[in-house]
Amino acid sequence: MVKRRALLALLPLLLLAGCKQPEKFSTSSGVSVENPAADALASAQLGELDGLLSEAELAHVHTLVEQLLPLRQTREAEARWQLSTEEANLVDRLNRLYERYTLKYLGGGGSWGYASPAERPLADYAVEPDGGLRLTSGEDVYRPLWAQVNALLPEGALDGFSRFTVFTDGLDETLAYVSPLDDTGTRWELAVDPADAGELDWFTETVLHEYTHYLTLNDTQADYGAPESGARYCEEGMVARSGSYLDDFYHTFWTDYLHDRLANPDSYGFYLRHQADFVTDYASTDPSEDIAESFTYFVLWDAPEGDAVWEEKLNFFYRYPELVEFRTQARARLGL
């Protein structure tokens, strides 16, 4: 379930809205001053739209948010992850409004433009306990690629991997992915396309990104097969452990608008509404991709000094001494 696309081609052209904007209001201006919780939730979900909507548009949003809020509060009190039918319908209605207003005020970007060309296997290796490789199929010419990955990561970082797969799907497509080999997330596979490994910056960013999926979704961080819980972050077949990196990240940054994101996962509008929250547009896909992108640039970049949400996400990892040590060792290997 974890096979990820680290870098995807997006449709970058934004269609600038040409209509004259009506008089603008802020959600903090008092449309619903008697319900500050609804006001705060609407502001968080509107993002860049906050302050751009007309009074009538804003009132429409608030009417729906005020209906949504008690349903959400009931679900949270019951520690229930799945939305009721009524709550899901309201989330969908709000998302359609947000998408319409995004196109009107911020422009539109179409869909993500996912591409999934067929993969051709080249070789498979078993990873021995000492980190060495044993060829199990294909040509034995890809050991330098494994060494290239090892050179980027701290010693022992790949101890949880039992398989190294070499494949190709052509130039400039999927460079690498990781995937669990069992139903507990204990042992993992790393797959790399040598056709794309020559672009060193992209290779480095992608390896770090994919490694973060392992780091945040292995069996010490996630419980596969556990019942869904509203108290913890969940994906299909996975519940983040309490106190895990991903669960902490979700509760810090995603609780107000996760379901708006999931209501229309192929839309670029969510990113346009929340650009200041994400280090890259791909990070806005979901919490798992966001933490992977954020950790990648936590390692590669100097510590940010601003107060944008994307900067807070990079600084989030400094609360974990073991991740700071990972960063120190990885940067030393990279000469940073």
C-alpha atoms as a PDB file:
ATOM      1  CA  MET A   1       0.000   0.000   0.000  1.00  0.00           C
ATOM      2  CA  VAL A   2       2.986   2.277   0.334  1.00  0.00           C
ATOM      3  CA  LYS A   3       4.292   2.318  -3.205  1.00  0.00           C
ATOM      4  CA  ARG A   4       4.677   6.032  -3.783  1.00  0.00           C
ATOM      5  CA  ARG A   5       5.478   8.357  -6.638  1.00  0.00           C
ATOM      6  CA  ALA A   6       8.164  10.678  -5.332  1.00  0.00           C
ATOM      7  CA  LEU A   7       8.056  13.252  -8.073  1.00  0.00           C
ATOM      8  CA  LEU A   8       5.076  13.633 -10.368  1.00  0.00           C
ATOM      9  CA  ALA A   9       4.491  15.842 -13.354  1.00  0.00           C
ATOM     10  CA  LEU A  10       1.866  18.454 -12.515  1.00  0.00           C
ATOM     11  CA  LEU A  11      -0.144  20.749 -14.718  1.00  0.00           C
ATOM     12  CA  PRO A  12       1.420  24.065 -13.686  1.00  0.00           C
ATOM     13  CA  LEU A  13      -0.611  26.537 -15.782  1.00  0.00           C
ATOM     14  CA  LEU A  14      -2.976  28.510 -13.591  1.00  0.00           C
ATOM     15  CA  LEU A  15      -5.990  30.144 -15.186  1.00  0.00           C
ATOM     16  CA  LEU A  16      -6.146  33.574 -13.625  1.00  0.00           C
ATOM     17  CA  ALA A  17      -9.654  34.634 -12.686  1.00  0.00           C
ATOM     18  CA  GLY A  18     -10.658  37.745 -14.577  1.00  0.00           C
ATOM     19  CA  CYS A  19     -13.937  38.600 -12.905  1.00  0.00           C
ATOM     20  CA  LYS A  20     -14.170  41.704 -10.792  1.00  0.00           C
ATOM     21  CA  GLN A  21     -14.046  40.681  -7.154  1.00  0.00           C
ATOM     22  CA  PRO A  22     -16.894  41.792  -4.930  1.00  0.00           C
ATOM     23  CA  GLU A  23     -16.327  43.493  -1.617  1.00  0.00           C
ATOM     24  CA  LYS A  24     -14.080  41.278   0.518  1.00  0.00           C
ATOM     25  CA  PHE A  25     -14.453  40.135   4.079  1.00  0.00           C
ATOM     26  CA  SER A  26     -12.337  38.075   6.440  1.00  0.00           C
ATOM     27  CA  THR A  27     -13.649  35.160   8.425  1.00  0.00           C
ATOM     28  CA  SER A  28     -12.274  37.001  11.408  1.00  0.00           C
ATOM     29  CA  SER A  29     -14.514  39.985  10.607  1.00  0.00           C
ATOM     30  CA  GLY A  30     -17.412  38.585  12.565  1.00  0.00           C
ATOM     31  CA  VAL A  31     -19.740  36.731  10.218  1.00  0.00           C
ATOM     32  CA  SER A  32     -20.194  34.167  12.968  1.00  0.00           C
ATOM     33  CA  VAL A  33     -18.724  35.788  16.050  1.00  0.00           C
ATOM     34  CA  GLU A  34     -21.056  33.795  18.288  1.00  0.00           C
ATOM     35  CA  ASN A  35     -19.333  30.575  17.155  1.00  0.00           C
ATOM     36  CA  PRO A  36     -15.566  31.102  17.316  1.00  0.00           C
ATOM     37  CA  ALA A  37     -14.853  27.387  16.824  1.00  0.00           C
ATOM     38  CA  ALA A  38     -16.707  27.420  13.499  1.00  0.00           C
ATOM     39  CA  ASP A  39     -14.998  30.680  12.571  1.00  0.00           C
ATOM     40  CA  ALA A  40     -11.567  29.156  13.245  1.00  0.00           C
ATOM     41  CA  LEU A  41     -12.365  25.971  11.305  1.00  0.00           C
ATOM     42  CA  ALA A  42     -13.654  27.935   8.319  1.00  0.00           C
ATOM     43  CA  SER A  43     -10.547  30.115   8.336  1.00  0.00           C
ATOM     44  CA  ALA A  44      -8.263  27.066   8.462  1.00  0.00           C
ATOM     45  CA  GLN A  45     -10.071  25.369   5.595  1.00  0.00           C
ATOM     46  CA  LEU A  46     -10.267  28.486   3.428  1.00  0.00           C
ATOM     47  CA  GLY A  47      -6.539  29.126   3.680  1.00  0.00           C
ATOM     48  CA  GLU A  48      -5.535  31.608   0.959  1.00  0.00           C
ATOM     49  CA  LEU A  49      -9.222  32.295   0.297  1.00  0.00           C
ATOM     50  CA  ASP A  50      -9.655  33.816   3.749  1.00  0.00           C
ATOM     51  CA  GLY A  51     -10.295  37.505   3.189  1.00  0.00           C
ATOM     52  CA  LEU A  52     -11.163  37.131  -0.504  1.00  0.00           C
ATOM     53  CA  LEU A  53     -14.775  35.961  -0.395  1.00  0.00           C
ATOM     54  CA  SER A  54     -17.848  38.169  -0.640  1.00  0.00           C
ATOM     55  CA  GLU A  55     -20.123  38.451   2.364  1.00  0.00           C
ATOM     56  CA  ALA A  56     -22.652  36.111   0.754  1.00  0.00           C
ATOM     57  CA  GLU A  57     -19.988  33.542  -0.150  1.00  0.00           C
ATOM     58  CA  LEU A  58     -18.540  33.628   3.324  1.00  0.00           C
ATOM     59  CA  ALA A  59     -21.976  33.269   4.887  1.00  0.00           C
ATOM     60  CA  HIS A  60     -22.585  30.191   2.733  1.00  0.00           C
ATOM     61  CA  VAL A  61     -19.335  28.633   3.974  1.00  0.00           C
ATOM     62  CA  HIS A  62     -20.177  29.434   7.586  1.00  0.00           C
ATOM     63  CA  THR A  63     -23.652  27.969   7.330  1.00  0.00           C
ATOM     64  CA  LEU A  64     -22.184  24.631   6.265  1.00  0.00           C
ATOM     65  CA  VAL A  65     -19.281  24.735   8.740  1.00  0.00           C
ATOM     66  CA  GLU A  66     -21.679  25.406  11.612  1.00  0.00           C
ATOM     67  CA  GLN A  67     -23.636  22.300  10.590  1.00  0.00           C
ATOM     68  CA  LEU A  68     -20.417  20.305  10.236  1.00  0.00           C
ATOM     69  CA  LEU A  69     -18.816  21.225  13.544  1.00  0.00           C
ATOM     70  CA  PRO A  70     -21.134  19.358  15.972  1.00  0.00           C
ATOM     71  CA  LEU A  71     -20.942  16.221  13.811  1.00  0.00           C
ATOM     72  CA  ARG A  72     -17.166  16.425  13.869  1.00  0.00           C
ATOM     73  CA  GLN A  73     -17.140  17.015  17.631  1.00  0.00           C
ATOM     74  CA  THR A  74     -19.378  13.986  18.184  1.00  0.00           C
ATOM     75  CA  ARG A  75     -17.115  11.801  16.045  1.00  0.00           C
ATOM     76  CA  GLU A  76     -14.037  12.968  17.957  1.00  0.00           C
ATOM     77  CA  ALA A  77     -15.733  12.379  21.320  1.00  0.00           C
ATOM     78  CA  GLU A  78     -16.532   8.827  20.200  1.00  0.00           C
ATOM     79  CA  ALA A  79     -12.943   8.318  18.942  1.00  0.00           C
ATOM     80  CA  ARG A  80     -14.454   7.341  15.593  1.00  0.00           C
ATOM     81  CA  TRP A  81     -12.354   7.688  12.423  1.00  0.00           C
ATOM     82  CA  GLN A  82     -15.029   7.158   9.757  1.00  0.00           C
ATOM     83  CA  LEU A  83     -17.320  10.061   8.979  1.00  0.00           C
ATOM     84  CA  SER A  84     -21.062   9.650   9.252  1.00  0.00           C
ATOM     85  CA  THR A  85     -23.021   9.963   6.022  1.00  0.00           C
ATOM     86  CA  GLU A  86     -24.250  13.397   7.066  1.00  0.00           C
ATOM     87  CA  GLU A  87     -20.753  14.632   7.901  1.00  0.00           C
ATOM     88  CA  ALA A  88     -19.317  13.227   4.669  1.00  0.00           C
ATOM     89  CA  ASN A  89     -22.028  14.977   2.652  1.00  0.00           C
ATOM     90  CA  LEU A  90     -21.242  18.295   4.329  1.00  0.00           C
ATOM     91  CA  VAL A  91     -17.513  17.825   3.710  1.00  0.00           C
ATOM     92  CA  ASP A  92     -18.257  17.200   0.027  1.00  0.00           C
ATOM     93  CA  ARG A  93     -20.502  20.262  -0.218  1.00  0.00           C
ATOM     94  CA  LEU A  94     -17.871  22.447   1.402  1.00  0.00           C
ATOM     95  CA  ASN A  95     -15.172  21.054  -0.856  1.00  0.00           C
ATOM     96  CA  ARG A  96     -17.228  21.899  -3.941  1.00  0.00           C
ATOM     97  CA  LEU A  97     -17.609  25.451  -2.639  1.00  0.00           C
ATOM     98  CA  TYR A  98     -13.887  25.746  -1.909  1.00  0.00           C
ATOM     99  CA  GLU A  99     -13.030  24.436  -5.362  1.00  0.00           C
ATOM    100  CA  ARG A 100     -15.395  26.915  -7.013  1.00  0.00           C
ATOM    101  CA  TYR A 101     -13.999  29.833  -5.020  1.00  0.00           C
ATOM    102  CA  THR A 102     -10.435  28.679  -5.648  1.00  0.00           C
ATOM    103  CA  LEU A 103     -11.018  28.797  -9.395  1.00  0.00           C
ATOM    104  CA  LYS A 104     -12.647  32.213  -9.079  1.00  0.00           C
ATOM    105  CA  TYR A 105     -10.065  33.905  -6.865  1.00  0.00           C
ATOM    106  CA  LEU A 106      -6.835  31.914  -7.113  1.00  0.00           C
ATOM    107  CA  GLY A 107      -6.976  30.252 -10.524  1.00  0.00           C
ATOM    108  CA  GLY A 108      -7.063  26.561 -11.373  1.00  0.00           C
ATOM    109  CA  GLY A 109      -4.432  23.965 -12.060  1.00  0.00           C
ATOM    110  CA  GLY A 110      -6.291  20.937 -13.364  1.00  0.00           C
ATOM    111  CA  SER A 111      -5.389  17.494 -12.049  1.00  0.00           C
ATOM    112  CA  TRP A 112      -2.091  16.108 -10.792  1.00  0.00           C
ATOM    113  CA  GLY A 113      -1.304  14.359 -14.058  1.00  0.00           C
ATOM    114  CA  TYR A 114      -0.274  10.986 -12.637  1.00  0.00           C
ATOM    115  CA  ALA A 115       1.519   8.717 -15.068  1.00  0.00           C
ATOM    116  CA  SER A 116       1.908   4.988 -14.500  1.00  0.00           C
ATOM    117  CA  PRO A 117       3.896   3.427 -17.331  1.00  0.00           C
ATOM    118  CA  ALA A 118       4.552  -0.282 -17.161  1.00  0.00           C
ATOM    119  CA  GLU A 119       7.543  -1.364 -15.107  1.00  0.00           C
ATOM    120  CA  ARG A 120      10.083  -3.851 -16.405  1.00  0.00           C
ATOM    121  CA  PRO A 121      12.012  -5.885 -13.793  1.00  0.00           C
ATOM    122  CA  LEU A 122      15.783  -5.901 -14.222  1.00  0.00           C
ATOM    123  CA  ALA A 123      17.078  -7.663 -11.120  1.00  0.00           C
ATOM    124  CA  ASP A 124      16.187  -8.724  -7.605  1.00  0.00           C
ATOM    125  CA  TYR A 125      18.555  -9.036  -4.672  1.00  0.00           C
ATOM    126  CA  ALA A 126      18.069 -10.403  -1.187  1.00  0.00           C
ATOM    127  CA  VAL A 127      19.660  -8.141   1.403  1.00  0.00           C
ATOM    128  CA  GLU A 128      21.785 -10.218   3.768  1.00  0.00           C
ATOM    129  CA  PRO A 129      21.957  -9.491   7.529  1.00  0.00           C
ATOM    130  CA  ASP A 130      25.362  -7.841   7.058  1.00  0.00           C
ATOM    131  CA  GLY A 131      23.946  -5.511   4.387  1.00  0.00           C
ATOM    132  CA  GLY A 132      25.431  -7.413   1.473  1.00  0.00           C
ATOM    133  CA  LEU A 133      23.431  -8.485  -1.560  1.00  0.00           C
ATOM    134  CA  ARG A 134      22.588 -11.923  -2.931  1.00  0.00           C
ATOM    135  CA  LEU A 135      21.264 -12.001  -6.489  1.00  0.00           C
ATOM    136  CA  THR A 136      17.961 -13.863  -6.820  1.00  0.00           C
ATOM    137  CA  SER A 137      17.032 -12.954 -10.405  1.00  0.00           C
ATOM    138  CA  GLY A 138      18.246 -10.850 -13.315  1.00  0.00           C
ATOM    139  CA  GLU A 139      21.703  -9.574 -14.159  1.00  0.00           C
ATOM    140  CA  ASP A 140      24.193  -9.046 -11.359  1.00  0.00           C
ATOM    141  CA  VAL A 141      25.269  -5.557 -12.449  1.00  0.00           C
ATOM    142  CA  TYR A 142      23.393  -3.303 -10.025  1.00  0.00           C
ATOM    143  CA  ARG A 143      25.391  -3.568  -6.817  1.00  0.00           C
ATOM    144  CA  PRO A 144      26.827  -0.055  -7.390  1.00  0.00           C
ATOM    145  CA  LEU A 145      23.255   1.278  -7.285  1.00  0.00           C
ATOM    146  CA  TRP A 146      22.763  -0.212  -3.816  1.00  0.00           C
ATOM    147  CA  ALA A 147      26.078   1.319  -2.783  1.00  0.00           C
ATOM    148  CA  GLN A 148      24.876   4.673  -4.131  1.00  0.00           C
ATOM    149  CA  VAL A 149      21.819   4.492  -1.882  1.00  0.00           C
ATOM    150  CA  ASN A 150      23.876   3.419   1.139  1.00  0.00           C
ATOM    151  CA  ALA A 151      26.242   6.330   0.614  1.00  0.00           C
ATOM    152  CA  LEU A 152      23.413   8.798   1.265  1.00  0.00           C
ATOM    153  CA  LEU A 153      22.104   7.342   4.511  1.00  0.00           C
ATOM    154  CA  PRO A 154      23.559   6.885   7.995  1.00  0.00           C
ATOM    155  CA  GLU A 155      25.135   3.543   8.784  1.00  0.00           C
ATOM    156  CA  GLY A 156      22.510   0.933   9.596  1.00  0.00           C
ATOM    157  CA  ALA A 157      19.651   2.935   8.101  1.00  0.00           C
ATOM    158  CA  LEU A 158      18.764   0.106   5.712  1.00  0.00           C
ATOM    159  CA  ASP A 159      18.762  -2.658   8.327  1.00  0.00           C
ATOM    160  CA  GLY A 160      14.990  -3.019   7.971  1.00  0.00           C
ATOM    161  CA  PHE A 161      15.211  -3.876   4.266  1.00  0.00           C
ATOM    162  CA  SER A 162      15.282  -7.459   3.003  1.00  0.00           C
ATOM    163  CA  ARG A 163      14.890  -6.931  -0.737  1.00  0.00           C
ATOM    164  CA  PHE A 164      16.485  -4.615  -3.276  1.00  0.00           C
ATOM    165  CA  THR A 165      14.595  -4.503  -6.568  1.00  0.00           C
ATOM    166  CA  VAL A 166      15.901  -2.931  -9.751  1.00  0.00           C
ATOM    167  CA  PHE A 167      13.329  -2.004 -12.393  1.00  0.00           C
ATOM    168  CA  THR A 168      12.745   0.546 -15.118  1.00  0.00           C
ATOM    169  CA  ASP A 169       9.694   2.368 -16.420  1.00  0.00           C
ATOM    170  CA  GLY A 170      11.625   4.714 -18.682  1.00  0.00           C
ATOM    171  CA  LEU A 171      13.296   8.061 -18.201  1.00  0.00           C
ATOM    172  CA  ASP A 172      11.841  10.670 -15.864  1.00  0.00           C
ATOM    173  CA  GLU A 173       9.142   8.457 -14.387  1.00  0.00           C
ATOM    174  CA  THR A 174       9.283   6.654 -11.033  1.00  0.00           C
ATOM    175  CA  LEU A 175      12.816   6.826  -9.663  1.00  0.00           C
ATOM    176  CA  ALA A 176      12.289   4.766  -6.512  1.00  0.00           C
ATOM    177  CA  TYR A 177       9.733   3.423  -4.091  1.00  0.00           C
ATOM    178  CA  VAL A 178       9.552   1.437  -0.871  1.00  0.00           C
ATOM    179  CA  SER A 179       7.029  -1.201   0.117  1.00  0.00           C
ATOM    180  CA  PRO A 180       6.506  -3.506   3.120  1.00  0.00           C
ATOM    181  CA  LEU A 181       7.196  -7.184   2.499  1.00  0.00           C
ATOM    182  CA  ASP A 182       4.923  -8.497   5.241  1.00  0.00           C
ATOM    183  CA  ASP A 183       1.602  -7.590   6.797  1.00  0.00           C
ATOM    184  CA  THR A 184       3.191  -6.040   9.888  1.00  0.00           C
ATOM    185  CA  GLY A 185       5.542  -3.526   8.254  1.00  0.00           C
ATOM    186  CA  THR A 186       8.587  -5.231   9.780  1.00  0.00           C
ATOM    187  CA  ARG A 187      10.618  -5.997   6.650  1.00  0.00           C
ATOM    188  CA  TRP A 188      10.780  -3.755   3.592  1.00  0.00           C
ATOM    189  CA  GLU A 189      11.699  -3.599  -0.079  1.00  0.00           C
ATOM    190  CA  LEU A 190      13.545  -0.755  -1.797  1.00  0.00           C
ATOM    191  CA  ALA A 191      13.138  -0.451  -5.569  1.00  0.00           C
ATOM    192  CA  VAL A 192      15.212   1.872  -7.787  1.00  0.00           C
ATOM    193  CA  ASP A 193      15.194   2.678 -11.502  1.00  0.00           C
ATOM    194  CA  PRO A 194      18.794   3.047 -12.764  1.00  0.00           C
ATOM    195  CA  ALA A 195      17.559   5.042 -15.768  1.00  0.00           C
ATOM    196  CA  ASP A 196      16.928   8.006 -13.444  1.00  0.00           C
ATOM    197  CA  ALA A 197      19.759   7.500 -10.962  1.00  0.00           C
ATOM    198  CA  GLY A 198      22.195   9.762 -12.797  1.00  0.00           C
ATOM    199  CA  GLU A 199      20.443  12.992 -11.799  1.00  0.00           C
ATOM    200  CA  LEU A 200      22.105  13.264  -8.409  1.00  0.00           C
ATOM    201  CA  ASP A 201      19.944  15.960  -6.829  1.00  0.00           C
ATOM    202  CA  TRP A 202      16.746  14.187  -7.823  1.00  0.00           C
ATOM    203  CA  PHE A 203      18.197  10.853  -6.738  1.00  0.00           C
ATOM    204  CA  THR A 204      19.141  12.232  -3.318  1.00  0.00           C
ATOM    205  CA  GLU A 205      15.771  13.887  -2.742  1.00  0.00           C
ATOM    206  CA  THR A 206      13.862  10.804  -3.856  1.00  0.00           C
ATOM    207  CA  VAL A 207      15.875   8.357  -1.752  1.00  0.00           C
ATOM    208  CA  LEU A 208      15.367  10.539   1.326  1.00  0.00           C
ATOM    209  CA  HIS A 209      11.668  10.904   0.554  1.00  0.00           C
ATOM    210  CA  GLU A 210      11.127   7.177   0.094  1.00  0.00           C
ATOM    211  CA  TYR A 211      13.244   6.332   3.116  1.00  0.00           C
ATOM    212  CA  THR A 212      10.985   8.590   5.175  1.00  0.00           C
ATOM    213  CA  HIS A 213       8.032   6.381   4.233  1.00  0.00           C
ATOM    214  CA  TYR A 214       9.896   3.461   5.775  1.00  0.00           C
ATOM    215  CA  LEU A 215      10.909   5.598   8.759  1.00  0.00           C
ATOM    216  CA  THR A 216       7.327   6.657   9.474  1.00  0.00           C
ATOM    217  CA  LEU A 217       5.414   3.524   8.431  1.00  0.00           C
ATOM    218  CA  ASN A 218       7.493   0.620   9.755  1.00  0.00           C
ATOM    219  CA  ASP A 219       6.146  -1.627  12.504  1.00  0.00           C
ATOM    220  CA  THR A 220       7.521   0.525  15.328  1.00  0.00           C
ATOM    221  CA  GLN A 221       5.561   3.503  14.003  1.00  0.00           C
ATOM    222  CA  ALA A 222       2.402   1.979  12.542  1.00  0.00           C
ATOM    223  CA  ASP A 223       0.020  -0.819  13.469  1.00  0.00           C
ATOM    224  CA  TYR A 224      -1.180  -2.785  10.445  1.00  0.00           C
ATOM    225  CA  GLY A 225      -4.512  -4.463  10.982  1.00  0.00           C
ATOM    226  CA  ALA A 226      -5.476  -2.511  14.094  1.00  0.00           C
ATOM    227  CA  PRO A 227      -9.047  -1.183  14.191  1.00  0.00           C
ATOM    228  CA  GLU A 228      -9.403   2.406  13.066  1.00  0.00           C
ATOM    229  CA  SER A 229      -9.371   4.985  15.832  1.00  0.00           C
ATOM    230  CA  GLY A 230     -10.382   8.617  15.757  1.00  0.00           C
ATOM    231  CA  ALA A 231      -7.652   9.303  18.288  1.00  0.00           C
ATOM    232  CA  ARG A 232      -4.876   8.368  15.822  1.00  0.00           C
ATOM    233  CA  TYR A 233      -4.088   8.994  12.177  1.00  0.00           C
ATOM    234  CA  CYS A 234      -5.354   6.224   9.910  1.00  0.00           C
ATOM    235  CA  GLU A 235      -4.855   5.153   6.326  1.00  0.00           C
ATOM    236  CA  GLU A 236      -6.314   2.102   4.631  1.00  0.00           C
ATOM    237  CA  GLY A 237      -5.051  -0.914   6.568  1.00  0.00           C
ATOM    238  CA  MET A 238      -2.814   1.161   8.853  1.00  0.00           C
ATOM    239  CA  VAL A 239      -3.177   3.024  12.138  1.00  0.00           C
ATOM    240  CA  ALA A 240      -0.320   5.262  13.244  1.00  0.00           C
ATOM    241  CA  ARG A 241       0.895   4.399  16.723  1.00  0.00           C
ATOM    242  CA  SER A 242       0.289   6.969  19.431  1.00  0.00           C
ATOM    243  CA  GLY A 243       3.386   9.148  19.756  1.00  0.00           C
ATOM    244  CA  SER A 244       4.722   8.102  16.351  1.00  0.00           C
ATOM    245  CA  TYR A 245       6.270  10.655  14.027  1.00  0.00           C
ATOM    246  CA  LEU A 246       3.319  10.513  11.627  1.00  0.00           C
ATOM    247  CA  ASP A 247       0.646  10.684  14.308  1.00  0.00           C
ATOM    248  CA  ASP A 248       2.314  13.662  15.969  1.00  0.00           C
ATOM    249  CA  PHE A 249       2.708  15.344  12.574  1.00  0.00           C
ATOM    250  CA  TYR A 250      -0.932  14.758  11.688  1.00  0.00           C
ATOM    251  CA  HIS A 251      -2.216  16.135  14.985  1.00  0.00           C
ATOM    252  CA  THR A 252       0.047  19.172  14.710  1.00  0.00           C
ATOM    253  CA  PHE A 253      -0.695  20.150  11.119  1.00  0.00           C
ATOM    254  CA  TRP A 254      -3.558  18.280   9.446  1.00  0.00           C
ATOM    255  CA  THR A 255      -6.622  17.853  11.666  1.00  0.00           C
ATOM    256  CA  ASP A 256      -8.541  20.877  10.370  1.00  0.00           C
ATOM    257  CA  TYR A 257      -8.463  19.990   6.697  1.00  0.00           C
ATOM    258  CA  LEU A 258      -7.591  16.327   6.132  1.00  0.00           C
ATOM    259  CA  HIS A 259     -11.125  15.419   5.092  1.00  0.00           C
ATOM    260  CA  ASP A 260     -11.329  18.360   2.705  1.00  0.00           C
ATOM    261  CA  ARG A 261      -8.167  17.002   1.061  1.00  0.00           C
ATOM    262  CA  LEU A 262      -9.588  13.469   0.901  1.00  0.00           C
ATOM    263  CA  ALA A 263     -12.875  14.706  -0.556  1.00  0.00           C
ATOM    264  CA  ASN A 264     -11.115  15.553  -3.820  1.00  0.00           C
ATOM    265  CA  PRO A 265      -7.630  14.007  -3.827  1.00  0.00           C
ATOM    266  CA  ASP A 266      -7.001  14.645  -7.525  1.00  0.00           C
ATOM    267  CA  SER A 267      -7.620  18.391  -7.334  1.00  0.00           C
ATOM    268  CA  TYR A 268      -4.767  20.893  -7.370  1.00  0.00           C
ATOM    269  CA  GLY A 269      -7.054  23.429  -5.706  1.00  0.00           C
ATOM    270  CA  PHE A 270      -6.274  22.224  -2.182  1.00  0.00           C
ATOM    271  CA  TYR A 271      -2.615  23.113  -2.696  1.00  0.00           C
ATOM    272  CA  LEU A 272      -3.538  26.530  -4.115  1.00  0.00           C
ATOM    273  CA  ARG A 273      -5.591  27.240  -0.996  1.00  0.00           C
ATOM    274  CA  HIS A 274      -2.768  26.203   1.340  1.00  0.00           C
ATOM    275  CA  GLN A 275       0.488  26.941  -0.491  1.00  0.00           C
ATOM    276  CA  ALA A 276       2.140  28.424   2.590  1.00  0.00           C
ATOM    277  CA  ASP A 277       1.588  25.164   4.479  1.00  0.00           C
ATOM    278  CA  PHE A 278       3.650  22.910   2.192  1.00  0.00           C
ATOM    279  CA  VAL A 279       7.303  22.740   1.224  1.00  0.00           C
ATOM    280  CA  THR A 280       6.313  21.400  -2.232  1.00  0.00           C
ATOM    281  CA  ASP A 281       3.010  20.957  -4.024  1.00  0.00           C
ATOM    282  CA  TYR A 282       3.382  17.174  -3.816  1.00  0.00           C
ATOM    283  CA  ALA A 283       3.509  17.467  -0.025  1.00  0.00           C
ATOM    284  CA  SER A 284      -0.153  18.498  -0.083  1.00  0.00           C
ATOM    285  CA  THR A 285      -1.181  15.003  -1.252  1.00  0.00           C
ATOM    286  CA  ASP A 286      -1.755  13.650   2.285  1.00  0.00           C
ATOM    287  CA  PRO A 287       0.015  13.523   5.672  1.00  0.00           C
ATOM    288  CA  SER A 288       2.293  10.632   4.623  1.00  0.00           C
ATOM    289  CA  GLU A 289       3.604  12.487   1.582  1.00  0.00           C
ATOM    290  CA  ASP A 290       3.790  15.735   3.535  1.00  0.00           C
ATOM    291  CA  ILE A 291       5.971  14.273   6.276  1.00  0.00           C
ATOM    292  CA  ALA A 292       8.178  12.597   3.640  1.00  0.00           C
ATOM    293  CA  GLU A 293       8.710  15.840   1.726  1.00  0.00           C
ATOM    294  CA  SER A 294       9.188  17.850   4.916  1.00  0.00           C
ATOM    295  CA  PHE A 295      11.739  15.425   6.366  1.00  0.00           C
ATOM    296  CA  THR A 296      13.655  15.407   3.075  1.00  0.00           C
ATOM    297  CA  TYR A 297      14.210  19.145   3.247  1.00  0.00           C
ATOM    298  CA  PHE A 298      14.753  19.061   6.995  1.00  0.00           C
ATOM    299  CA  VAL A 299      17.818  16.994   6.103  1.00  0.00           C
ATOM    300  CA  LEU A 300      18.921  18.941   3.028  1.00  0.00           C
ATOM    301  CA  TRP A 301      18.267  22.553   4.041  1.00  0.00           C
ATOM    302  CA  ASP A 302      19.417  24.777   6.865  1.00  0.00           C
ATOM    303  CA  ALA A 303      16.883  25.265   9.642  1.00  0.00           C
ATOM    304  CA  PRO A 304      14.271  27.821   8.524  1.00  0.00           C
ATOM    305  CA  GLU A 305      13.830  30.932  10.616  1.00  0.00           C
ATOM    306  CA  GLY A 306      10.399  32.087   9.457  1.00  0.00           C
ATOM    307  CA  ASP A 307       6.953  31.295  10.795  1.00  0.00           C
ATOM    308  CA  ALA A 308       5.227  29.885   7.713  1.00  0.00           C
ATOM    309  CA  VAL A 309       3.575  26.532   8.329  1.00  0.00           C
ATOM    310  CA  TRP A 310       5.926  24.759   5.897  1.00  0.00           C
ATOM    311  CA  GLU A 311       8.834  26.096   7.966  1.00  0.00           C
ATOM    312  CA  GLU A 312       7.206  24.887  11.171  1.00  0.00           C
ATOM    313  CA  LYS A 313       6.989  21.447   9.573  1.00  0.00           C
ATOM    314  CA  LEU A 314      10.723  21.340   8.895  1.00  0.00           C
ATOM    315  CA  ASN A 315      11.437  22.508  12.434  1.00  0.00           C
ATOM    316  CA  PHE A 316       8.994  19.894  13.801  1.00  0.00           C
ATOM    317  CA  PHE A 317      11.680  17.199  13.505  1.00  0.00           C
ATOM    318  CA  TYR A 318      14.075  18.973  15.857  1.00  0.00           C
ATOM    319  CA  ARG A 319      11.959  17.758  18.774  1.00  0.00           C
ATOM    320  CA  TYR A 320      13.290  14.212  18.150  1.00  0.00           C
ATOM    321  CA  PRO A 321      16.986  13.792  19.057  1.00  0.00           C
ATOM    322  CA  GLU A 322      17.302  10.622  16.959  1.00  0.00           C
ATOM    323  CA  LEU A 323      16.097  12.472  13.849  1.00  0.00           C
ATOM    324  CA  VAL A 324      18.489  15.326  14.508  1.00  0.00           C
ATOM    325  CA  GLU A 325      21.287  12.752  14.687  1.00  0.00           C
ATOM    326  CA  PHE A 326      20.068  11.172  11.431  1.00  0.00           C
ATOM    327  CA  ARG A 327      20.200  14.620   9.830  1.00  0.00           C
ATOM    328  CA  THR A 328      23.710  15.258  11.132  1.00  0.00           C
ATOM    329  CA  GLN A 329      25.051  11.971   9.783  1.00  0.00           C
ATOM    330  CA  ALA A 330      23.263  12.240   6.431  1.00  0.00           C
ATOM    331  CA  ARG A 331      24.475  15.797   5.886  1.00  0.00           C
ATOM    332  CA  ALA A 332      28.025  14.734   6.690  1.00  0.00           C
ATOM    333  CA  ARG A 333      27.790  12.041   4.020  1.00  0.00           C
ATOM    334  CA  LEU A 334      26.439  14.601   1.570  1.00  0.00           C
ATOM    335  CA  GLY A 335      29.109  17.156   2.410  1.00  0.00           C
ATOM    336  CA  LEU A 336      26.578  19.672   3.722  1.00  0.00           C
END
